[in-house]
């Protein structure tokens, strides 16, 4: 799966450089955030942020588009600091 490949790639970079602590979600579409649970399990200190609108869209996607269809825990971002809550 692509989310596991992404986690492997980030892990390989981490060994070469430094710890990745922040992940920015550009849009609240499912293909931008559904793999966050895998990444967070591999990098528990990871902070995931997005704009308020993107976070609202993530929640809408989970509740309206995929109700009871997702087998793994779904993680959303926190509102980016400096954005109205």
C-alpha atoms as a PDB file:
ATOM      1  CA  UNK A   1       0.000   0.000   0.000  1.00  0.00           C
ATOM      2  CA  UNK A   2       1.132   3.536  -0.675  1.00  0.00           C
ATOM      3  CA  UNK A   3       0.883   4.635   2.953  1.00  0.00           C
ATOM      4  CA  UNK A   4       3.348   1.944   4.020  1.00  0.00           C
ATOM      5  CA  UNK A   5       5.688   2.899   1.175  1.00  0.00           C
ATOM      6  CA  UNK A   6       5.489   6.533   2.298  1.00  0.00           C
ATOM      7  CA  UNK A   7       6.273   5.574   5.908  1.00  0.00           C
ATOM      8  CA  UNK A   8       9.248   3.497   4.727  1.00  0.00           C
ATOM      9  CA  UNK A   9      10.530   6.415   2.651  1.00  0.00           C
ATOM     10  CA  UNK A  10      10.202   8.901   5.536  1.00  0.00           C
ATOM     11  CA  UNK A  11      11.924   6.418   7.851  1.00  0.00           C
ATOM     12  CA  UNK A  12      14.844   6.067   5.429  1.00  0.00           C
ATOM     13  CA  UNK A  13      15.252   9.853   5.296  1.00  0.00           C
ATOM     14  CA  UNK A  14      15.017  10.146   9.063  1.00  0.00           C
ATOM     15  CA  UNK A  15      18.003   7.845   9.487  1.00  0.00           C
ATOM     16  CA  UNK A  16      20.029  10.114   7.210  1.00  0.00           C
ATOM     17  CA  UNK A  17      18.968  13.515   8.516  1.00  0.00           C
ATOM     18  CA  UNK A  18      16.796  14.303  11.526  1.00  0.00           C
ATOM     19  CA  UNK A  19      13.436  13.518  13.102  1.00  0.00           C
ATOM     20  CA  UNK A  20      10.376  14.759  11.252  1.00  0.00           C
ATOM     21  CA  UNK A  21       8.082  16.378  13.736  1.00  0.00           C
ATOM     22  CA  UNK A  22       5.508  18.169  11.586  1.00  0.00           C
ATOM     23  CA  UNK A  23       3.404  17.022   8.656  1.00  0.00           C
ATOM     24  CA  UNK A  24       1.276  19.603   6.831  1.00  0.00           C
ATOM     25  CA  UNK A  25      -1.919  18.474   5.113  1.00  0.00           C
ATOM     26  CA  UNK A  26      -2.575  20.775   2.179  1.00  0.00           C
ATOM     27  CA  UNK A  27      -6.171  19.711   1.504  1.00  0.00           C
ATOM     28  CA  UNK A  28      -8.853  17.887   3.431  1.00  0.00           C
ATOM     29  CA  UNK A  29      -9.403  15.251   0.761  1.00  0.00           C
ATOM     30  CA  UNK A  30      -9.248  11.628   1.905  1.00  0.00           C
ATOM     31  CA  UNK A  31      -6.237  10.800  -0.268  1.00  0.00           C
ATOM     32  CA  UNK A  32      -4.268  13.428   1.650  1.00  0.00           C
ATOM     33  CA  UNK A  33      -4.952  12.169   5.180  1.00  0.00           C
ATOM     34  CA  UNK A  34      -6.189   8.567   5.358  1.00  0.00           C
ATOM     35  CA  UNK A  35      -2.638   7.213   5.785  1.00  0.00           C
ATOM     36  CA  UNK A  36      -1.881   9.381   8.807  1.00  0.00           C
ATOM     37  CA  UNK A  37      -2.585   6.563  11.267  1.00  0.00           C
ATOM     38  CA  UNK A  38       0.218   4.472   9.744  1.00  0.00           C
ATOM     39  CA  UNK A  39       2.638   7.406   9.762  1.00  0.00           C
ATOM     40  CA  UNK A  40       1.737   8.320  13.339  1.00  0.00           C
ATOM     41  CA  UNK A  41       2.232   4.733  14.534  1.00  0.00           C
ATOM     42  CA  UNK A  42       5.735   4.763  12.999  1.00  0.00           C
ATOM     43  CA  UNK A  43       6.507   8.333  14.153  1.00  0.00           C
ATOM     44  CA  UNK A  44       4.500   8.892  17.373  1.00  0.00           C
ATOM     45  CA  UNK A  45       5.984  12.337  17.984  1.00  0.00           C
ATOM     46  CA  UNK A  46       4.736  13.581  14.623  1.00  0.00           C
ATOM     47  CA  UNK A  47       2.571  16.692  14.694  1.00  0.00           C
ATOM     48  CA  UNK A  48      -0.047  16.877  11.925  1.00  0.00           C
ATOM     49  CA  UNK A  49      -1.433  20.303  11.040  1.00  0.00           C
ATOM     50  CA  UNK A  50      -3.719  21.872   8.447  1.00  0.00           C
ATOM     51  CA  UNK A  51      -5.820  24.974   7.966  1.00  0.00           C
ATOM     52  CA  UNK A  52      -9.166  25.136   9.741  1.00  0.00           C
ATOM     53  CA  UNK A  53     -10.973  24.557   6.435  1.00  0.00           C
ATOM     54  CA  UNK A  54      -8.904  21.469   5.655  1.00  0.00           C
ATOM     55  CA  UNK A  55      -9.561  19.990   9.125  1.00  0.00           C
ATOM     56  CA  UNK A  56     -13.298  20.605   8.710  1.00  0.00           C
ATOM     57  CA  UNK A  57     -13.182  18.912   5.287  1.00  0.00           C
ATOM     58  CA  UNK A  58     -11.361  15.910   6.808  1.00  0.00           C
ATOM     59  CA  UNK A  59     -14.079  15.502   9.426  1.00  0.00           C
ATOM     60  CA  UNK A  60     -16.764  15.846   6.767  1.00  0.00           C
ATOM     61  CA  UNK A  61     -15.100  13.197   4.610  1.00  0.00           C
ATOM     62  CA  UNK A  62     -14.914  10.761   7.543  1.00  0.00           C
ATOM     63  CA  UNK A  63     -18.496  11.321   8.724  1.00  0.00           C
ATOM     64  CA  UNK A  64     -20.368  11.778   5.444  1.00  0.00           C
ATOM     65  CA  UNK A  65     -18.341  10.071   2.740  1.00  0.00           C
ATOM     66  CA  UNK A  66     -16.928   7.058   4.584  1.00  0.00           C
ATOM     67  CA  UNK A  67     -19.260   6.307   7.508  1.00  0.00           C
ATOM     68  CA  UNK A  68     -18.442   2.873   8.968  1.00  0.00           C
ATOM     69  CA  UNK A  69     -16.293   1.983   5.929  1.00  0.00           C
ATOM     70  CA  UNK A  70     -12.839   2.568   7.354  1.00  0.00           C
ATOM     71  CA  UNK A  71     -11.254  -0.424   9.053  1.00  0.00           C
ATOM     72  CA  UNK A  72      -8.315   1.318  10.712  1.00  0.00           C
ATOM     73  CA  UNK A  73      -8.359   4.248  13.123  1.00  0.00           C
ATOM     74  CA  UNK A  74      -8.547   7.521  11.240  1.00  0.00           C
ATOM     75  CA  UNK A  75      -6.483  10.471  12.335  1.00  0.00           C
ATOM     76  CA  UNK A  76      -7.104  14.086  11.375  1.00  0.00           C
ATOM     77  CA  UNK A  77      -4.861  17.101  11.653  1.00  0.00           C
ATOM     78  CA  UNK A  78      -4.900  19.810  14.279  1.00  0.00           C
ATOM     79  CA  UNK A  79      -5.676  23.363  13.198  1.00  0.00           C
ATOM     80  CA  UNK A  80      -2.422  25.089  12.243  1.00  0.00           C
ATOM     81  CA  UNK A  81      -1.274  27.542  14.876  1.00  0.00           C
ATOM     82  CA  UNK A  82      -2.268  31.084  13.969  1.00  0.00           C
ATOM     83  CA  UNK A  83      -5.429  29.934  12.160  1.00  0.00           C
ATOM     84  CA  UNK A  84      -8.791  30.889  13.669  1.00  0.00           C
ATOM     85  CA  UNK A  85     -10.261  27.897  15.497  1.00  0.00           C
END
